[in-house]
Amino acid sequence: MLIGPVGAPITRTRNPVRGFLDIPRDVVLALVTVGGMRWGASDFGPRESGDIMHFDLAT
């Protein structure tokens, strides 16, 4: 995911299109609707991590 030197600005060394935030829509829908999981991008409360790559059980 890192392209170029570590000390370079993030806008030049990282590209989310290359997989960092690339979760297929069908995977998200299956985890939430079939798996009963919460998605960090939309289902967490104000005191919880809103990490877009995070799923957990809604217990």
PDB file of N, CA and C in Angstrom:
ATOM      1  N   MET A   1       0.812  -1.193   0.000  1.00  0.00           N
ATOM      2  CA  MET A   1       0.000   0.000   0.000  1.00  0.00           C
ATOM      3  C   MET A   1       0.856   1.258   0.000  1.00  0.00           C
ATOM      4  N   LEU A   2       2.014   1.227   0.637  1.00  0.00           N
ATOM      5  CA  LEU A   2       2.898   2.382   0.685  1.00  0.00           C
ATOM      6  C   LEU A   2       3.685   2.457  -0.612  1.00  0.00           C
ATOM      7  N   ILE A   3       3.655   3.627  -1.231  1.00  0.00           N
ATOM      8  CA  ILE A   3       4.391   3.847  -2.473  1.00  0.00           C
ATOM      9  C   ILE A   3       5.333   5.011  -2.228  1.00  0.00           C
ATOM     10  N   GLY A   4       6.621   4.778  -2.318  1.00  0.00           N
ATOM     11  CA  GLY A   4       7.598   5.838  -2.107  1.00  0.00           C
ATOM     12  C   GLY A   4       8.160   5.825  -0.698  1.00  0.00           C
ATOM     13  N   PRO A   5       8.951   6.855  -0.347  1.00  0.00           N
ATOM     14  CA  PRO A   5       9.602   6.898   0.958  1.00  0.00           C
ATOM     15  C   PRO A   5       8.624   7.134   2.105  1.00  0.00           C
ATOM     16  N   VAL A   6       8.927   6.547   3.253  1.00  0.00           N
ATOM     17  CA  VAL A   6       8.060   6.650   4.428  1.00  0.00           C
ATOM     18  C   VAL A   6       7.870   8.100   4.870  1.00  0.00           C
ATOM     19  N   GLY A   7       8.886   8.940   4.716  1.00  0.00           N
ATOM     20  CA  GLY A   7       8.806  10.331   5.165  1.00  0.00           C
ATOM     21  C   GLY A   7       8.025  11.255   4.246  1.00  0.00           C
ATOM     22  N   ALA A   8       7.624  10.784   3.077  1.00  0.00           N
ATOM     23  CA  ALA A   8       6.876  11.625   2.134  1.00  0.00           C
ATOM     24  C   ALA A   8       5.452  11.851   2.636  1.00  0.00           C
ATOM     25  N   PRO A   9       4.793  12.920   2.190  1.00  0.00           N
ATOM     26  CA  PRO A   9       3.404  13.176   2.614  1.00  0.00           C
ATOM     27  C   PRO A   9       2.485  12.005   2.265  1.00  0.00           C
ATOM     28  N   ILE A  10       1.539  11.721   3.148  1.00  0.00           N
ATOM     29  CA  ILE A  10       0.609  10.601   2.970  1.00  0.00           C
ATOM     30  C   ILE A  10      -0.151  10.704   1.653  1.00  0.00           C
ATOM     31  N   THR A  11      -0.472  11.928   1.244  1.00  0.00           N
ATOM     32  CA  THR A  11      -1.233  12.100  -0.003  1.00  0.00           C
ATOM     33  C   THR A  11      -0.453  11.622  -1.219  1.00  0.00           C
ATOM     34  N   ARG A  12       0.867  11.491  -1.107  1.00  0.00           N
ATOM     35  CA  ARG A  12       1.685  11.012  -2.224  1.00  0.00           C
ATOM     36  C   ARG A  12       2.078   9.547  -2.081  1.00  0.00           C
ATOM     37  N   THR A  13       2.018   8.984  -0.876  1.00  0.00           N
ATOM     38  CA  THR A  13       2.521   7.623  -0.668  1.00  0.00           C
ATOM     39  C   THR A  13       1.439   6.562  -0.486  1.00  0.00           C
ATOM     40  N   ARG A  14       0.216   6.971  -0.254  1.00  0.00           N
ATOM     41  CA  ARG A  14      -0.851   5.993  -0.009  1.00  0.00           C
ATOM     42  C   ARG A  14      -2.044   6.253  -0.922  1.00  0.00           C
ATOM     43  N   ASN A  15      -2.616   5.185  -1.424  1.00  0.00           N
ATOM     44  CA  ASN A  15      -3.758   5.292  -2.323  1.00  0.00           C
ATOM     45  C   ASN A  15      -4.829   4.298  -1.877  1.00  0.00           C
ATOM     46  N   PRO A  16      -5.940   4.768  -1.259  1.00  0.00           N
ATOM     47  CA  PRO A  16      -6.970   3.855  -0.767  1.00  0.00           C
ATOM     48  C   PRO A  16      -7.629   3.018  -1.858  1.00  0.00           C
ATOM     49  N   VAL A  17      -7.529   3.448  -3.098  1.00  0.00           N
ATOM     50  CA  VAL A  17      -8.112   2.687  -4.200  1.00  0.00           C
ATOM     51  C   VAL A  17      -7.402   1.353  -4.370  1.00  0.00           C
ATOM     52  N   ARG A  18      -6.195   1.237  -3.864  1.00  0.00           N
ATOM     53  CA  ARG A  18      -5.430  -0.001  -3.994  1.00  0.00           C
ATOM     54  C   ARG A  18      -5.750  -1.022  -2.920  1.00  0.00           C
ATOM     55  N   GLY A  19      -6.882  -0.871  -2.226  1.00  0.00           N
ATOM     56  CA  GLY A  19      -7.328  -1.912  -1.323  1.00  0.00           C
ATOM     57  C   GLY A  19      -7.546  -1.518   0.118  1.00  0.00           C
ATOM     58  N   PHE A  20      -7.030  -0.393   0.568  1.00  0.00           N
ATOM     59  CA  PHE A  20      -7.159  -0.048   1.978  1.00  0.00           C
ATOM     60  C   PHE A  20      -8.612   0.100   2.404  1.00  0.00           C
ATOM     61  N   LEU A  21      -9.429   0.754   1.618  1.00  0.00           N
ATOM     62  CA  LEU A  21     -10.845   0.954   1.940  1.00  0.00           C
ATOM     63  C   LEU A  21     -11.743   0.310   0.893  1.00  0.00           C
ATOM     64  N   ASP A  22     -11.282  -0.720   0.278  1.00  0.00           N
ATOM     65  CA  ASP A  22     -11.995  -1.320  -0.836  1.00  0.00           C
ATOM     66  C   ASP A  22     -12.719  -2.596  -0.398  1.00  0.00           C
ATOM     67  N   ILE A  23     -13.855  -2.426   0.277  1.00  0.00           N
ATOM     68  CA  ILE A  23     -14.662  -3.579   0.667  1.00  0.00           C
ATOM     69  C   ILE A  23     -15.805  -3.676  -0.350  1.00  0.00           C
ATOM     70  N   PRO A  24     -15.923  -4.801  -1.027  1.00  0.00           N
ATOM     71  CA  PRO A  24     -17.019  -4.946  -1.989  1.00  0.00           C
ATOM     72  C   PRO A  24     -18.388  -4.787  -1.305  1.00  0.00           C
ATOM     73  N   ARG A  25     -19.294  -4.141  -1.990  1.00  0.00           N
ATOM     74  CA  ARG A  25     -20.641  -3.880  -1.458  1.00  0.00           C
ATOM     75  C   ARG A  25     -21.322  -5.166  -1.007  1.00  0.00           C
ATOM     76  N   ASP A  26     -21.207  -6.222  -1.799  1.00  0.00           N
ATOM     77  CA  ASP A  26     -21.851  -7.497  -1.457  1.00  0.00           C
ATOM     78  C   ASP A  26     -21.325  -8.071  -0.141  1.00  0.00           C
ATOM     79  N   VAL A  27     -20.045  -7.872   0.134  1.00  0.00           N
ATOM     80  CA  VAL A  27     -19.462  -8.361   1.383  1.00  0.00           C
ATOM     81  C   VAL A  27     -20.043  -7.595   2.567  1.00  0.00           C
ATOM     82  N   VAL A  28     -20.129  -6.277   2.452  1.00  0.00           N
ATOM     83  CA  VAL A  28     -20.707  -5.462   3.528  1.00  0.00           C
ATOM     84  C   VAL A  28     -22.158  -5.863   3.775  1.00  0.00           C
ATOM     85  N   LEU A  29     -22.934  -5.977   2.721  1.00  0.00           N
ATOM     86  CA  LEU A  29     -24.346  -6.348   2.866  1.00  0.00           C
ATOM     87  C   LEU A  29     -24.508  -7.721   3.514  1.00  0.00           C
ATOM     88  N   ALA A  30     -23.690  -8.672   3.123  1.00  0.00           N
ATOM     89  CA  ALA A  30     -23.782 -10.024   3.708  1.00  0.00           C
ATOM     90  C   ALA A  30     -23.411 -10.013   5.191  1.00  0.00           C
ATOM     91  N   LEU A  31     -22.340  -9.315   5.550  1.00  0.00           N
ATOM     92  CA  LEU A  31     -21.927  -9.276   6.951  1.00  0.00           C
ATOM     93  C   LEU A  31     -22.995  -8.621   7.833  1.00  0.00           C
ATOM     94  N   VAL A  32     -23.632  -7.577   7.310  1.00  0.00           N
ATOM     95  CA  VAL A  32     -24.624  -6.840   8.104  1.00  0.00           C
ATOM     96  C   VAL A  32     -25.982  -7.547   8.111  1.00  0.00           C
ATOM     97  N   THR A  33     -26.484  -7.935   6.946  1.00  0.00           N
ATOM     98  CA  THR A  33     -27.837  -8.498   6.884  1.00  0.00           C
ATOM     99  C   THR A  33     -27.884  -9.979   7.244  1.00  0.00           C
ATOM    100  N   VAL A  34     -26.983 -10.772   6.727  1.00  0.00           N
ATOM    101  CA  VAL A  34     -26.982 -12.207   6.996  1.00  0.00           C
ATOM    102  C   VAL A  34     -26.240 -12.523   8.295  1.00  0.00           C
ATOM    103  N   GLY A  35     -25.096 -11.890   8.476  1.00  0.00           N
ATOM    104  CA  GLY A  35     -24.272 -12.163   9.647  1.00  0.00           C
ATOM    105  C   GLY A  35     -24.686 -11.422  10.903  1.00  0.00           C
ATOM    106  N   GLY A  36     -25.570 -10.433  10.771  1.00  0.00           N
ATOM    107  CA  GLY A  36     -26.033  -9.680  11.929  1.00  0.00           C
ATOM    108  C   GLY A  36     -24.957  -8.831  12.591  1.00  0.00           C
ATOM    109  N   MET A  37     -23.973  -8.416  11.805  1.00  0.00           N
ATOM    110  CA  MET A  37     -22.871  -7.637  12.358  1.00  0.00           C
ATOM    111  C   MET A  37     -23.116  -6.134  12.218  1.00  0.00           C
ATOM    112  N   ARG A  38     -22.418  -5.366  13.035  1.00  0.00           N
ATOM    113  CA  ARG A  38     -22.449  -3.908  12.917  1.00  0.00           C
ATOM    114  C   ARG A  38     -21.233  -3.485  12.105  1.00  0.00           C
ATOM    115  N   TRP A  39     -21.424  -2.433  11.294  1.00  0.00           N
ATOM    116  CA  TRP A  39     -20.343  -1.910  10.466  1.00  0.00           C
ATOM    117  C   TRP A  39     -19.891  -0.584  11.050  1.00  0.00           C
ATOM    118  N   GLY A  40     -18.589  -0.441  11.257  1.00  0.00           N
ATOM    119  CA  GLY A  40     -18.030   0.765  11.853  1.00  0.00           C
ATOM    120  C   GLY A  40     -18.321   2.033  11.071  1.00  0.00           C
ATOM    121  N   ALA A  41     -18.566   1.926   9.787  1.00  0.00           N
ATOM    122  CA  ALA A  41     -18.823   3.108   8.969  1.00  0.00           C
ATOM    123  C   ALA A  41     -20.187   3.725   9.246  1.00  0.00           C
ATOM    124  N   SER A  42     -21.124   2.946   9.796  1.00  0.00           N
ATOM    125  CA  SER A  42     -22.469   3.501   9.950  1.00  0.00           C
ATOM    126  C   SER A  42     -23.225   3.069  11.199  1.00  0.00           C
ATOM    127  N   ASP A  43     -22.846   1.987  11.831  1.00  0.00           N
ATOM    128  CA  ASP A  43     -23.680   1.424  12.889  1.00  0.00           C
ATOM    129  C   ASP A  43     -23.192   1.633  14.314  1.00  0.00           C
ATOM    130  N   PHE A  44     -22.068   2.311  14.490  1.00  0.00           N
ATOM    131  CA  PHE A  44     -21.523   2.481  15.830  1.00  0.00           C
ATOM    132  C   PHE A  44     -22.017   3.779  16.449  1.00  0.00           C
ATOM    133  N   GLY A  45     -22.094   3.794  17.765  1.00  0.00           N
ATOM    134  CA  GLY A  45     -22.508   4.990  18.484  1.00  0.00           C
ATOM    135  C   GLY A  45     -21.385   6.008  18.580  1.00  0.00           C
ATOM    136  N   PRO A  46     -21.665   7.160  19.188  1.00  0.00           N
ATOM    137  CA  PRO A  46     -20.678   8.246  19.250  1.00  0.00           C
ATOM    138  C   PRO A  46     -19.461   7.934  20.128  1.00  0.00           C
ATOM    139  N   ARG A  47     -19.549   6.943  20.995  1.00  0.00           N
ATOM    140  CA  ARG A  47     -18.422   6.613  21.884  1.00  0.00           C
ATOM    141  C   ARG A  47     -17.624   5.402  21.426  1.00  0.00           C
ATOM    142  N   GLU A  48     -17.914   4.919  20.225  1.00  0.00           N
ATOM    143  CA  GLU A  48     -17.232   3.738  19.715  1.00  0.00           C
ATOM    144  C   GLU A  48     -16.424   4.101  18.474  1.00  0.00           C
ATOM    145  N   SER A  49     -15.454   3.254  18.148  1.00  0.00           N
ATOM    146  CA  SER A  49     -14.632   3.473  16.967  1.00  0.00           C
ATOM    147  C   SER A  49     -15.490   3.422  15.709  1.00  0.00           C
ATOM    148  N   GLY A  50     -15.324   4.400  14.854  1.00  0.00           N
ATOM    149  CA  GLY A  50     -16.043   4.428  13.594  1.00  0.00           C
ATOM    150  C   GLY A  50     -15.184   3.955  12.436  1.00  0.00           C
ATOM    151  N   ASP A  51     -14.291   3.043  12.702  1.00  0.00           N
ATOM    152  CA  ASP A  51     -13.382   2.535  11.686  1.00  0.00           C
ATOM    153  C   ASP A  51     -14.171   1.889  10.555  1.00  0.00           C
ATOM    154  N   ILE A  52     -13.987   2.374   9.354  1.00  0.00           N
ATOM    155  CA  ILE A  52     -14.747   1.890   8.198  1.00  0.00           C
ATOM    156  C   ILE A  52     -14.437   0.431   7.867  1.00  0.00           C
ATOM    157  N   MET A  53     -13.294  -0.075   8.309  1.00  0.00           N
ATOM    158  CA  MET A  53     -12.923  -1.459   8.036  1.00  0.00           C
ATOM    159  C   MET A  53     -13.305  -2.399   9.186  1.00  0.00           C
ATOM    160  N   HIS A  54     -14.059  -1.904  10.143  1.00  0.00           N
ATOM    161  CA  HIS A  54     -14.363  -2.694  11.342  1.00  0.00           C
ATOM    162  C   HIS A  54     -15.788  -3.232  11.316  1.00  0.00           C
ATOM    163  N   PHE A  55     -15.920  -4.512  11.600  1.00  0.00           N
ATOM    164  CA  PHE A  55     -17.214  -5.171  11.787  1.00  0.00           C
ATOM    165  C   PHE A  55     -17.154  -5.892  13.121  1.00  0.00           C
ATOM    166  N   ASP A  56     -18.265  -5.919  13.852  1.00  0.00           N
ATOM    167  CA  ASP A  56     -18.311  -6.721  15.066  1.00  0.00           C
ATOM    168  C   ASP A  56     -19.732  -7.203  15.309  1.00  0.00           C
ATOM    169  N   LEU A  57     -19.866  -8.125  16.253  1.00  0.00           N
ATOM    170  CA  LEU A  57     -21.173  -8.664  16.589  1.00  0.00           C
ATOM    171  C   LEU A  57     -21.961  -7.624  17.393  1.00  0.00           C
ATOM    172  N   ALA A  58     -23.210  -7.473  17.104  1.00  0.00           N
ATOM    173  CA  ALA A  58     -24.073  -6.507  17.801  1.00  0.00           C
ATOM    174  C   ALA A  58     -24.599  -7.132  19.090  1.00  0.00           C
ATOM    175  N   THR A  59     -23.725  -7.314  20.061  1.00  0.00           N
ATOM    176  CA  THR A  59     -24.145  -7.924  21.326  1.00  0.00           C
ATOM    177  C   THR A  59     -24.244  -6.878  22.409  1.00  0.00           C
TER     178      THR A  59
END
